[in-house]
Amino acid sequence: MFKKCPVVMLSTNEKAVFYINSEVGLVFAPQDRTIPGLKYQHLYILSDEIPNEGDWCLNSYDNQIWQYRTSPCPLPYWGNKDTLTKIIATTDTSLGLPQPSQEFLELYCKRYNKGTLIMDVMVEYEQWTVFHGEHNNTPTKTTLKVNPDNTINIKPIKDSWSREEVNQEKEEFIHLFFSKHYNKLSNINFTSQYIREWCKENL
């Protein structure tokens, strides 16, 4: 299953995967050295999950990264739970969290420079059912799916469709409807070609 998750980019003084070039836009930064003066940027993918002990979070109060603790500790290791949003993946490897894939980073950079910033994505999760006996099973548990290379699976949220895609969706729906309600009542063979011709004539 996939869940909708926000994506946030924040500046940092440390070396990061991106930096902002005033002429070009968002650029992949050299990883073999730190260049003074560059406007380094990290990506953070967030979740609406309730933070647990030790989770890294974005604090909406000051846009800083804090680690949630249930007892007071010196900052930045404690924060108000009401202002914290859990981070599930990031390009900041110092947090020890899963990372976005290289393919997604390239897409994010491309979209940023086109002026169509990615604000939300669909992130893949896994569902588990814990069995405690024949009549004592807990509800399905949902966890973030992490690949062996410590990346997560991300797909962009589709916000536009081509005419061909819309027509295909219509055909699939009508084929399903006809198959369920009319196939037994007539001798018509509801093939894909028949549905396509019907759509052209009636839609």
N, C-alpha and C. Protein backbone atom coordinates (compact mmCIF):
# COMPACT_ATOMS: atom_id res chain seq x y z
N MET A 1 0.83 -1.19 0.00
CA MET A 1 0.00 0.00 0.00
C MET A 1 0.87 1.24 0.00
N PHE A 2 0.32 2.34 -0.50
CA PHE A 2 1.05 3.60 -0.53
C PHE A 2 0.30 4.65 0.30
N LYS A 3 1.06 5.47 1.01
CA LYS A 3 0.49 6.54 1.82
C LYS A 3 1.05 7.88 1.35
N LYS A 4 0.18 8.88 1.39
CA LYS A 4 0.60 10.23 1.00
C LYS A 4 1.44 10.86 2.11
N CYS A 5 2.62 11.38 1.74
CA CYS A 5 3.54 11.96 2.72
C CYS A 5 4.10 13.28 2.19
N PRO A 6 4.20 14.28 3.06
CA PRO A 6 4.77 15.57 2.65
C PRO A 6 6.29 15.47 2.43
N VAL A 7 6.80 16.34 1.55
CA VAL A 7 8.23 16.46 1.31
C VAL A 7 8.65 17.89 1.62
N VAL A 8 9.71 18.03 2.42
CA VAL A 8 10.18 19.35 2.83
C VAL A 8 11.67 19.46 2.52
N MET A 9 12.09 20.60 2.00
CA MET A 9 13.51 20.87 1.78
C MET A 9 13.96 21.98 2.73
N LEU A 10 15.03 21.73 3.47
CA LEU A 10 15.55 22.71 4.43
C LEU A 10 17.03 22.96 4.19
N SER A 11 17.44 24.18 4.43
CA SER A 11 18.84 24.54 4.28
C SER A 11 19.66 24.00 5.44
N THR A 12 20.94 23.82 5.21
CA THR A 12 21.85 23.31 6.23
C THR A 12 23.24 23.90 6.01
N ASN A 13 24.01 23.98 7.09
CA ASN A 13 25.38 24.47 6.98
C ASN A 13 26.35 23.34 6.68
N GLU A 14 25.85 22.11 6.74
CA GLU A 14 26.70 20.95 6.47
C GLU A 14 26.58 20.54 5.01
N LYS A 15 27.52 19.72 4.56
CA LYS A 15 27.48 19.20 3.20
C LYS A 15 26.19 18.39 3.00
N ALA A 16 25.54 18.58 1.87
CA ALA A 16 24.26 17.91 1.60
C ALA A 16 24.21 17.48 0.15
N VAL A 17 23.14 16.78 -0.21
CA VAL A 17 23.03 16.25 -1.56
C VAL A 17 22.78 17.34 -2.59
N PHE A 18 22.09 18.42 -2.20
CA PHE A 18 21.77 19.52 -3.10
C PHE A 18 22.37 20.83 -2.62
N TYR A 19 22.49 21.77 -3.54
CA TYR A 19 22.66 23.16 -3.16
C TYR A 19 21.92 24.03 -4.17
N ILE A 20 21.59 25.25 -3.77
CA ILE A 20 20.86 26.16 -4.65
C ILE A 20 21.84 27.12 -5.32
N ASN A 21 21.84 27.07 -6.65
CA ASN A 21 22.65 27.96 -7.47
C ASN A 21 21.75 29.09 -7.95
N SER A 22 22.17 30.32 -7.74
CA SER A 22 21.33 31.48 -8.05
C SER A 22 21.00 31.58 -9.54
N GLU A 23 21.81 30.98 -10.40
CA GLU A 23 21.58 31.06 -11.84
C GLU A 23 20.90 29.81 -12.39
N VAL A 24 21.27 28.66 -11.87
CA VAL A 24 20.77 27.40 -12.42
C VAL A 24 19.54 26.89 -11.67
N GLY A 25 19.57 27.02 -10.35
CA GLY A 25 18.50 26.49 -9.51
C GLY A 25 19.04 25.42 -8.57
N LEU A 26 18.33 24.34 -8.42
CA LEU A 26 18.75 23.25 -7.54
C LEU A 26 19.75 22.36 -8.28
N VAL A 27 20.89 22.11 -7.62
CA VAL A 27 21.98 21.38 -8.26
C VAL A 27 22.49 20.30 -7.31
N PHE A 28 22.91 19.17 -7.87
CA PHE A 28 23.56 18.14 -7.05
C PHE A 28 24.93 18.64 -6.62
N ALA A 29 25.21 18.53 -5.32
CA ALA A 29 26.45 19.05 -4.76
C ALA A 29 27.56 18.00 -4.84
N PRO A 30 28.81 18.42 -5.03
CA PRO A 30 29.94 17.48 -4.95
C PRO A 30 29.97 16.82 -3.58
N GLN A 31 30.18 15.51 -3.54
CA GLN A 31 30.15 14.80 -2.27
C GLN A 31 31.54 14.50 -1.72
N ASP A 32 32.58 14.86 -2.47
CA ASP A 32 33.94 14.59 -2.02
C ASP A 32 34.54 15.74 -1.22
N ARG A 33 33.79 16.84 -1.09
CA ARG A 33 34.32 17.98 -0.34
C ARG A 33 33.18 18.91 0.03
N THR A 34 33.42 19.74 1.04
CA THR A 34 32.48 20.79 1.43
C THR A 34 32.97 22.12 0.89
N ILE A 35 32.10 22.83 0.20
CA ILE A 35 32.48 24.10 -0.41
C ILE A 35 31.86 25.24 0.40
N PRO A 36 32.67 26.07 1.04
CA PRO A 36 32.14 27.18 1.84
C PRO A 36 31.27 28.11 0.99
N GLY A 37 30.17 28.57 1.56
CA GLY A 37 29.32 29.54 0.89
C GLY A 37 28.18 28.94 0.09
N LEU A 38 28.20 27.62 -0.13
CA LEU A 38 27.10 27.01 -0.88
C LEU A 38 25.84 26.93 -0.02
N LYS A 39 24.70 27.10 -0.65
CA LYS A 39 23.43 27.00 0.06
C LYS A 39 22.93 25.55 0.02
N TYR A 40 23.54 24.74 0.89
CA TYR A 40 23.23 23.31 0.92
C TYR A 40 21.79 23.07 1.36
N GLN A 41 21.19 21.98 0.82
CA GLN A 41 19.80 21.66 1.10
C GLN A 41 19.65 20.16 1.35
N HIS A 42 18.83 19.81 2.35
CA HIS A 42 18.46 18.42 2.61
C HIS A 42 16.97 18.23 2.35
N LEU A 43 16.59 17.02 1.94
CA LEU A 43 15.19 16.67 1.79
C LEU A 43 14.74 15.83 2.98
N TYR A 44 13.50 16.06 3.41
CA TYR A 44 12.91 15.29 4.50
C TYR A 44 11.52 14.84 4.07
N ILE A 45 11.25 13.56 4.21
CA ILE A 45 9.92 13.02 3.92
C ILE A 45 9.25 12.73 5.26
N LEU A 46 8.07 13.29 5.44
CA LEU A 46 7.40 13.29 6.74
C LEU A 46 6.22 12.31 6.75
N SER A 47 5.74 12.05 7.96
CA SER A 47 4.61 11.14 8.15
C SER A 47 3.68 11.69 9.21
N ASP A 48 2.40 11.30 9.13
CA ASP A 48 1.46 11.72 10.16
C ASP A 48 1.44 10.76 11.35
N GLU A 49 2.40 9.83 11.39
CA GLU A 49 2.50 8.91 12.52
C GLU A 49 2.86 9.67 13.80
N ILE A 50 2.39 9.18 14.92
CA ILE A 50 2.73 9.79 16.21
C ILE A 50 4.18 9.46 16.54
N PRO A 51 5.01 10.46 16.84
CA PRO A 51 6.42 10.19 17.15
C PRO A 51 6.57 9.33 18.40
N ASN A 52 7.54 8.43 18.36
CA ASN A 52 7.88 7.61 19.50
C ASN A 52 9.26 7.99 20.02
N GLU A 53 9.61 7.46 21.14
CA GLU A 53 10.90 7.74 21.77
C GLU A 53 12.04 7.57 20.77
N GLY A 54 12.84 8.63 20.61
CA GLY A 54 14.01 8.57 19.75
C GLY A 54 13.78 8.91 18.29
N ASP A 55 12.51 9.09 17.88
CA ASP A 55 12.23 9.42 16.48
C ASP A 55 12.73 10.82 16.14
N TRP A 56 13.27 10.96 14.94
CA TRP A 56 13.65 12.29 14.46
C TRP A 56 12.43 12.98 13.86
N CYS A 57 12.29 14.26 14.18
CA CYS A 57 11.08 14.99 13.78
C CYS A 57 11.44 16.40 13.31
N LEU A 58 10.55 16.95 12.51
CA LEU A 58 10.62 18.35 12.12
C LEU A 58 9.75 19.15 13.07
N ASN A 59 10.33 20.16 13.70
CA ASN A 59 9.59 21.00 14.62
C ASN A 59 9.00 22.17 13.83
N SER A 60 7.67 22.22 13.75
CA SER A 60 7.01 23.28 13.00
C SER A 60 7.18 24.65 13.63
N TYR A 61 7.58 24.68 14.90
CA TYR A 61 7.74 25.96 15.60
C TYR A 61 8.94 26.73 15.07
N ASP A 62 10.04 26.02 14.79
CA ASP A 62 11.25 26.73 14.36
C ASP A 62 11.90 26.10 13.12
N ASN A 63 11.23 25.12 12.50
CA ASN A 63 11.77 24.42 11.32
C ASN A 63 13.13 23.79 11.59
N GLN A 64 13.32 23.32 12.80
CA GLN A 64 14.55 22.64 13.16
C GLN A 64 14.27 21.14 13.33
N ILE A 65 15.33 20.35 13.20
CA ILE A 65 15.22 18.90 13.36
C ILE A 65 15.53 18.55 14.81
N TRP A 66 14.56 17.93 15.48
CA TRP A 66 14.72 17.53 16.87
C TRP A 66 14.47 16.03 16.99
N GLN A 67 15.02 15.45 18.05
CA GLN A 67 14.76 14.06 18.36
C GLN A 67 13.81 14.00 19.54
N TYR A 68 12.71 13.26 19.35
CA TYR A 68 11.68 13.24 20.38
C TYR A 68 12.11 12.40 21.58
N ARG A 69 11.94 12.98 22.78
CA ARG A 69 12.20 12.29 24.04
C ARG A 69 11.00 12.49 24.95
N THR A 70 10.70 11.49 25.75
CA THR A 70 9.56 11.59 26.66
C THR A 70 9.92 12.26 27.97
N SER A 71 11.20 12.49 28.19
CA SER A 71 11.63 13.20 29.40
C SER A 71 12.54 14.35 28.99
N PRO A 72 12.56 15.43 29.76
CA PRO A 72 13.37 16.59 29.39
C PRO A 72 14.85 16.25 29.25
N CYS A 73 15.42 16.69 28.16
CA CYS A 73 16.84 16.52 27.88
C CYS A 73 17.34 17.82 27.24
N PRO A 74 18.64 18.04 27.21
CA PRO A 74 19.15 19.23 26.54
C PRO A 74 18.77 19.24 25.06
N LEU A 75 18.37 20.41 24.55
CA LEU A 75 18.06 20.53 23.14
C LEU A 75 19.28 20.14 22.32
N PRO A 76 19.12 19.56 21.12
CA PRO A 76 17.87 19.40 20.37
C PRO A 76 17.23 18.03 20.56
N TYR A 77 17.43 17.39 21.69
CA TYR A 77 16.95 16.01 21.85
C TYR A 77 15.57 15.90 22.49
N TRP A 78 14.89 16.98 22.66
CA TRP A 78 13.56 16.91 23.23
C TRP A 78 12.70 17.99 22.61
N GLY A 79 11.44 17.71 22.42
CA GLY A 79 10.55 18.72 21.86
C GLY A 79 9.12 18.48 22.26
N ASN A 80 8.29 19.45 22.04
CA ASN A 80 6.86 19.34 22.30
C ASN A 80 6.23 18.46 21.22
N LYS A 81 5.59 17.39 21.61
CA LYS A 81 5.04 16.43 20.64
C LYS A 81 4.02 17.08 19.70
N ASP A 82 3.32 18.10 20.18
CA ASP A 82 2.29 18.74 19.36
C ASP A 82 2.87 19.51 18.19
N THR A 83 4.14 19.90 18.27
CA THR A 83 4.75 20.67 17.19
C THR A 83 5.68 19.84 16.32
N LEU A 84 5.78 18.54 16.61
CA LEU A 84 6.72 17.68 15.89
C LEU A 84 6.03 16.80 14.86
N THR A 85 6.64 16.68 13.68
CA THR A 85 6.17 15.77 12.64
C THR A 85 7.27 14.77 12.35
N LYS A 86 6.93 13.52 12.42
CA LYS A 86 7.93 12.45 12.29
C LYS A 86 8.57 12.43 10.90
N ILE A 87 9.89 12.26 10.88
CA ILE A 87 10.64 12.10 9.63
C ILE A 87 10.83 10.61 9.38
N ILE A 88 10.45 10.15 8.20
CA ILE A 88 10.60 8.73 7.89
C ILE A 88 11.75 8.46 6.92
N ALA A 89 12.19 9.49 6.20
CA ALA A 89 13.31 9.33 5.27
C ALA A 89 13.92 10.69 5.01
N THR A 90 15.21 10.70 4.70
CA THR A 90 15.90 11.98 4.49
C THR A 90 17.21 11.76 3.75
N THR A 91 17.70 12.82 3.14
CA THR A 91 19.03 12.78 2.53
C THR A 91 20.12 13.05 3.57
N ASP A 92 19.73 13.42 4.77
CA ASP A 92 20.68 13.67 5.85
C ASP A 92 21.07 12.34 6.49
N THR A 93 22.18 11.77 6.06
CA THR A 93 22.58 10.44 6.51
C THR A 93 22.98 10.41 7.98
N SER A 94 23.24 11.57 8.58
CA SER A 94 23.65 11.60 9.99
C SER A 94 22.52 11.19 10.92
N LEU A 95 21.27 11.20 10.42
CA LEU A 95 20.13 10.81 11.25
C LEU A 95 19.93 9.29 11.29
N GLY A 96 20.60 8.58 10.39
CA GLY A 96 20.48 7.13 10.38
C GLY A 96 19.13 6.61 9.91
N LEU A 97 18.45 7.38 9.09
CA LEU A 97 17.12 7.00 8.59
C LEU A 97 17.21 6.49 7.15
N PRO A 98 16.16 5.83 6.66
CA PRO A 98 16.12 5.48 5.24
C PRO A 98 16.24 6.72 4.37
N GLN A 99 16.59 6.49 3.11
CA GLN A 99 16.83 7.59 2.20
C GLN A 99 15.93 7.51 0.97
N PRO A 100 15.66 8.65 0.34
CA PRO A 100 14.98 8.63 -0.96
C PRO A 100 15.93 8.02 -1.99
N SER A 101 15.36 7.41 -3.02
CA SER A 101 16.19 6.82 -4.07
C SER A 101 16.82 7.90 -4.94
N GLN A 102 17.88 7.52 -5.65
CA GLN A 102 18.55 8.45 -6.56
C GLN A 102 17.59 8.91 -7.65
N GLU A 103 16.72 8.00 -8.11
CA GLU A 103 15.75 8.35 -9.14
C GLU A 103 14.81 9.45 -8.66
N PHE A 104 14.38 9.36 -7.40
CA PHE A 104 13.49 10.39 -6.89
C PHE A 104 14.23 11.72 -6.74
N LEU A 105 15.47 11.67 -6.28
CA LEU A 105 16.25 12.92 -6.13
C LEU A 105 16.40 13.62 -7.48
N GLU A 106 16.65 12.86 -8.53
CA GLU A 106 16.78 13.45 -9.86
C GLU A 106 15.45 14.06 -10.32
N LEU A 107 14.35 13.36 -10.03
CA LEU A 107 13.03 13.89 -10.38
C LEU A 107 12.73 15.16 -9.60
N TYR A 108 13.03 15.16 -8.30
CA TYR A 108 12.77 16.33 -7.47
C TYR A 108 13.55 17.53 -7.99
N CYS A 109 14.81 17.31 -8.32
CA CYS A 109 15.65 18.39 -8.84
C CYS A 109 15.09 18.94 -10.15
N LYS A 110 14.70 18.04 -11.03
CA LYS A 110 14.15 18.45 -12.33
C LYS A 110 12.87 19.25 -12.17
N ARG A 111 11.96 18.76 -11.30
CA ARG A 111 10.69 19.45 -11.09
C ARG A 111 10.91 20.80 -10.41
N TYR A 112 11.84 20.87 -9.47
CA TYR A 112 12.14 22.12 -8.78
C TYR A 112 12.57 23.19 -9.78
N ASN A 113 13.45 22.80 -10.68
CA ASN A 113 13.99 23.77 -11.65
C ASN A 113 12.99 24.14 -12.73
N LYS A 114 11.92 23.35 -12.86
CA LYS A 114 10.84 23.70 -13.79
C LYS A 114 9.76 24.55 -13.12
N GLY A 115 9.90 24.76 -11.80
CA GLY A 115 8.92 25.54 -11.07
C GLY A 115 7.71 24.75 -10.61
N THR A 116 7.79 23.41 -10.69
CA THR A 116 6.69 22.55 -10.23
C THR A 116 7.18 21.72 -9.05
N LEU A 117 7.35 22.37 -7.93
CA LEU A 117 7.94 21.75 -6.75
C LEU A 117 7.09 20.59 -6.24
N ILE A 118 7.73 19.49 -5.93
CA ILE A 118 7.04 18.33 -5.36
C ILE A 118 6.80 18.58 -3.88
N MET A 119 5.55 18.67 -3.48
CA MET A 119 5.19 18.93 -2.09
C MET A 119 4.77 17.66 -1.34
N ASP A 120 4.23 16.69 -2.09
CA ASP A 120 3.76 15.44 -1.50
C ASP A 120 4.12 14.29 -2.43
N VAL A 121 4.31 13.12 -1.85
CA VAL A 121 4.58 11.92 -2.63
C VAL A 121 3.80 10.75 -2.03
N MET A 122 3.76 9.65 -2.77
CA MET A 122 3.18 8.42 -2.27
C MET A 122 4.33 7.49 -1.88
N VAL A 123 4.33 7.05 -0.62
CA VAL A 123 5.40 6.22 -0.08
C VAL A 123 4.85 4.83 0.21
N GLU A 124 5.61 3.80 -0.16
CA GLU A 124 5.13 2.43 0.00
C GLU A 124 5.32 1.95 1.45
N TYR A 125 4.26 1.33 1.96
CA TYR A 125 4.26 0.71 3.29
C TYR A 125 3.90 -0.77 3.15
N GLU A 126 4.28 -1.53 4.15
CA GLU A 126 3.93 -2.94 4.22
C GLU A 126 2.92 -3.16 5.33
N GLN A 127 2.03 -4.12 5.13
CA GLN A 127 1.03 -4.45 6.14
C GLN A 127 1.30 -5.85 6.69
N TRP A 128 1.21 -5.97 8.01
CA TRP A 128 1.47 -7.24 8.68
C TRP A 128 0.32 -7.55 9.63
N THR A 129 0.00 -8.82 9.74
CA THR A 129 -0.97 -9.28 10.73
C THR A 129 -0.25 -10.18 11.72
N VAL A 130 -0.32 -9.82 12.98
CA VAL A 130 0.37 -10.57 14.03
C VAL A 130 -0.58 -11.61 14.60
N PHE A 131 -0.17 -12.88 14.59
CA PHE A 131 -1.02 -13.97 15.05
C PHE A 131 -0.60 -14.40 16.46
N HIS A 132 -1.59 -14.49 17.36
CA HIS A 132 -1.35 -14.93 18.74
C HIS A 132 -2.17 -16.18 19.07
N GLY A 133 -2.61 -16.87 18.05
CA GLY A 133 -3.46 -18.02 18.27
C GLY A 133 -4.64 -17.97 17.33
N GLU A 134 -5.42 -19.02 17.30
CA GLU A 134 -6.50 -19.13 16.33
C GLU A 134 -7.55 -18.03 16.46
N HIS A 135 -7.84 -17.62 17.69
CA HIS A 135 -8.89 -16.61 17.90
C HIS A 135 -8.36 -15.36 18.59
N ASN A 136 -7.06 -15.13 18.49
CA ASN A 136 -6.47 -13.98 19.18
C ASN A 136 -5.44 -13.33 18.27
N ASN A 137 -5.92 -12.66 17.23
CA ASN A 137 -5.04 -12.02 16.26
C ASN A 137 -5.16 -10.50 16.39
N THR A 138 -4.02 -9.82 16.36
CA THR A 138 -4.03 -8.37 16.43
C THR A 138 -4.35 -7.80 15.06
N PRO A 139 -4.84 -6.56 14.99
CA PRO A 139 -5.11 -5.95 13.69
C PRO A 139 -3.82 -5.83 12.87
N THR A 140 -4.01 -5.61 11.59
CA THR A 140 -2.87 -5.48 10.69
C THR A 140 -1.99 -4.29 11.09
N LYS A 141 -0.69 -4.53 11.10
CA LYS A 141 0.28 -3.47 11.43
C LYS A 141 0.89 -2.94 10.15
N THR A 142 1.02 -1.63 10.06
CA THR A 142 1.58 -0.99 8.88
C THR A 142 2.96 -0.43 9.19
N THR A 143 3.96 -0.81 8.38
CA THR A 143 5.32 -0.33 8.58
C THR A 143 5.90 0.16 7.26
N LEU A 144 6.81 1.09 7.35
CA LEU A 144 7.48 1.62 6.16
C LEU A 144 8.30 0.52 5.48
N LYS A 145 8.15 0.39 4.19
CA LYS A 145 8.93 -0.60 3.44
C LYS A 145 10.29 -0.01 3.10
N VAL A 146 11.34 -0.68 3.56
CA VAL A 146 12.71 -0.21 3.33
C VAL A 146 13.45 -1.27 2.52
N ASN A 147 14.06 -0.86 1.43
CA ASN A 147 14.78 -1.77 0.56
C ASN A 147 16.14 -2.15 1.15
N PRO A 148 16.77 -3.20 0.64
CA PRO A 148 18.08 -3.62 1.16
C PRO A 148 19.16 -2.53 1.11
N ASP A 149 19.02 -1.58 0.17
CA ASP A 149 20.00 -0.50 0.08
C ASP A 149 19.61 0.71 0.94
N ASN A 150 18.63 0.51 1.84
CA ASN A 150 18.18 1.53 2.78
C ASN A 150 17.43 2.68 2.11
N THR A 151 16.88 2.44 0.94
CA THR A 151 16.03 3.44 0.29
C THR A 151 14.57 3.03 0.43
N ILE A 152 13.68 3.99 0.23
CA ILE A 152 12.25 3.72 0.25
C ILE A 152 11.69 3.86 -1.15
N ASN A 153 10.51 3.28 -1.35
CA ASN A 153 9.87 3.35 -2.66
C ASN A 153 8.90 4.52 -2.70
N ILE A 154 9.12 5.39 -3.66
CA ILE A 154 8.35 6.63 -3.78
C ILE A 154 7.80 6.74 -5.19
N LYS A 155 6.56 7.19 -5.28
CA LYS A 155 6.03 7.55 -6.59
C LYS A 155 5.32 8.88 -6.47
N PRO A 156 5.44 9.71 -7.49
CA PRO A 156 4.78 11.03 -7.42
C PRO A 156 3.27 10.91 -7.45
N ILE A 157 2.61 11.90 -6.91
CA ILE A 157 1.15 11.96 -6.96
C ILE A 157 0.73 12.45 -8.33
N LYS A 158 -0.10 11.68 -8.99
CA LYS A 158 -0.51 12.03 -10.36
C LYS A 158 -1.51 13.18 -10.30
N ASP A 159 -1.21 14.26 -11.02
CA ASP A 159 -2.09 15.42 -10.99
C ASP A 159 -2.63 15.78 -12.38
N SER A 160 -2.29 14.98 -13.37
CA SER A 160 -2.83 15.23 -14.71
C SER A 160 -2.88 13.90 -15.47
N TRP A 161 -3.82 13.83 -16.42
CA TRP A 161 -4.01 12.61 -17.20
C TRP A 161 -4.13 12.96 -18.67
N SER A 162 -3.57 12.14 -19.51
CA SER A 162 -3.73 12.33 -20.94
C SER A 162 -5.11 11.85 -21.37
N ARG A 163 -5.53 12.25 -22.56
CA ARG A 163 -6.83 11.81 -23.08
C ARG A 163 -6.87 10.28 -23.20
N GLU A 164 -5.75 9.70 -23.62
CA GLU A 164 -5.69 8.24 -23.77
C GLU A 164 -5.89 7.55 -22.44
N GLU A 165 -5.28 8.10 -21.36
CA GLU A 165 -5.43 7.50 -20.04
C GLU A 165 -6.86 7.61 -19.53
N VAL A 166 -7.49 8.75 -19.78
CA VAL A 166 -8.88 8.93 -19.36
C VAL A 166 -9.78 7.94 -20.10
N ASN A 167 -9.57 7.81 -21.41
CA ASN A 167 -10.38 6.89 -22.20
C ASN A 167 -10.18 5.45 -21.75
N GLN A 168 -8.95 5.11 -21.39
CA GLN A 168 -8.68 3.75 -20.93
C GLN A 168 -9.42 3.47 -19.62
N GLU A 169 -9.42 4.46 -18.71
CA GLU A 169 -10.14 4.28 -17.45
C GLU A 169 -11.63 4.10 -17.72
N LYS A 170 -12.18 4.89 -18.64
CA LYS A 170 -13.60 4.78 -18.98
C LYS A 170 -13.90 3.38 -19.52
N GLU A 171 -13.05 2.92 -20.43
CA GLU A 171 -13.29 1.62 -21.06
C GLU A 171 -13.25 0.50 -20.03
N GLU A 172 -12.29 0.57 -19.10
CA GLU A 172 -12.18 -0.47 -18.08
C GLU A 172 -13.41 -0.49 -17.17
N PHE A 173 -13.88 0.71 -16.81
CA PHE A 173 -15.06 0.79 -15.95
C PHE A 173 -16.31 0.26 -16.67
N ILE A 174 -16.50 0.69 -17.91
CA ILE A 174 -17.69 0.27 -18.64
C ILE A 174 -17.64 -1.23 -18.93
N HIS A 175 -16.47 -1.74 -19.24
CA HIS A 175 -16.33 -3.18 -19.48
C HIS A 175 -16.73 -3.96 -18.23
N LEU A 176 -16.30 -3.48 -17.08
CA LEU A 176 -16.66 -4.14 -15.83
C LEU A 176 -18.16 -4.07 -15.58
N PHE A 177 -18.73 -2.89 -15.83
CA PHE A 177 -20.17 -2.70 -15.60
C PHE A 177 -21.00 -3.60 -16.52
N PHE A 178 -20.66 -3.58 -17.82
CA PHE A 178 -21.40 -4.39 -18.78
C PHE A 178 -21.28 -5.88 -18.46
N SER A 179 -20.07 -6.28 -18.09
CA SER A 179 -19.84 -7.70 -17.82
C SER A 179 -20.69 -8.18 -16.67
N LYS A 180 -20.89 -7.32 -15.67
CA LYS A 180 -21.64 -7.72 -14.49
C LYS A 180 -23.15 -7.68 -14.72
N HIS A 181 -23.62 -6.68 -15.50
CA HIS A 181 -25.06 -6.42 -15.55
C HIS A 181 -25.74 -6.85 -16.85
N TYR A 182 -24.98 -6.97 -17.95
CA TYR A 182 -25.65 -7.20 -19.22
C TYR A 182 -25.21 -8.47 -19.95
N ASN A 183 -24.10 -9.00 -19.58
CA ASN A 183 -23.58 -10.13 -20.33
C ASN A 183 -24.53 -11.31 -20.34
N LYS A 184 -25.28 -11.51 -19.25
CA LYS A 184 -26.18 -12.64 -19.15
C LYS A 184 -27.54 -12.36 -19.80
N LEU A 185 -27.75 -11.10 -20.18
CA LEU A 185 -29.06 -10.72 -20.69
C LEU A 185 -29.07 -10.54 -22.20
N SER A 186 -27.93 -10.72 -22.85
CA SER A 186 -27.88 -10.53 -24.29
C SER A 186 -26.83 -11.44 -24.89
N ASN A 187 -26.78 -11.43 -26.20
CA ASN A 187 -25.80 -12.25 -26.90
C ASN A 187 -24.60 -11.43 -27.35
N ILE A 188 -24.50 -10.21 -26.88
CA ILE A 188 -23.40 -9.34 -27.29
C ILE A 188 -22.10 -9.82 -26.66
N ASN A 189 -21.05 -9.86 -27.45
CA ASN A 189 -19.73 -10.22 -26.95
C ASN A 189 -19.00 -8.94 -26.55
N PHE A 190 -18.81 -8.74 -25.24
CA PHE A 190 -18.23 -7.49 -24.76
C PHE A 190 -16.70 -7.54 -24.82
N THR A 191 -16.17 -7.52 -26.03
CA THR A 191 -14.72 -7.51 -26.21
C THR A 191 -14.20 -6.10 -26.03
N SER A 192 -12.89 -5.98 -25.94
CA SER A 192 -12.27 -4.66 -25.81
C SER A 192 -12.59 -3.78 -27.00
N GLN A 193 -12.64 -4.39 -28.20
CA GLN A 193 -12.95 -3.62 -29.41
C GLN A 193 -14.38 -3.10 -29.36
N TYR A 194 -15.32 -3.92 -28.88
CA TYR A 194 -16.71 -3.48 -28.77
C TYR A 194 -16.83 -2.31 -27.80
N ILE A 195 -16.18 -2.42 -26.65
CA ILE A 195 -16.23 -1.36 -25.65
C ILE A 195 -15.63 -0.07 -26.21
N ARG A 196 -14.54 -0.19 -26.95
CA ARG A 196 -13.88 0.99 -27.51
C ARG A 196 -14.80 1.70 -28.50
N GLU A 197 -15.45 0.92 -29.34
CA GLU A 197 -16.37 1.51 -30.31
C GLU A 197 -17.58 2.12 -29.61
N TRP A 198 -18.07 1.47 -28.56
CA TRP A 198 -19.20 2.01 -27.81
C TRP A 198 -18.84 3.35 -27.18
N CYS A 199 -17.62 3.46 -26.63
CA CYS A 199 -17.16 4.72 -26.01
C CYS A 199 -17.10 5.84 -27.04
N LYS A 200 -16.62 5.53 -28.24
CA LYS A 200 -16.51 6.56 -29.28
C LYS A 200 -17.87 7.09 -29.67
N GLU A 201 -18.87 6.23 -29.69
CA GLU A 201 -20.20 6.62 -30.12
C GLU A 201 -21.01 7.31 -29.03
N ASN A 202 -20.73 6.97 -27.77
CA ASN A 202 -21.62 7.41 -26.68
C ASN A 202 -20.97 8.37 -25.70
N LEU A 203 -19.67 8.57 -25.71
CA LEU A 203 -19.02 9.45 -24.73
C LEU A 203 -18.48 10.70 -25.40
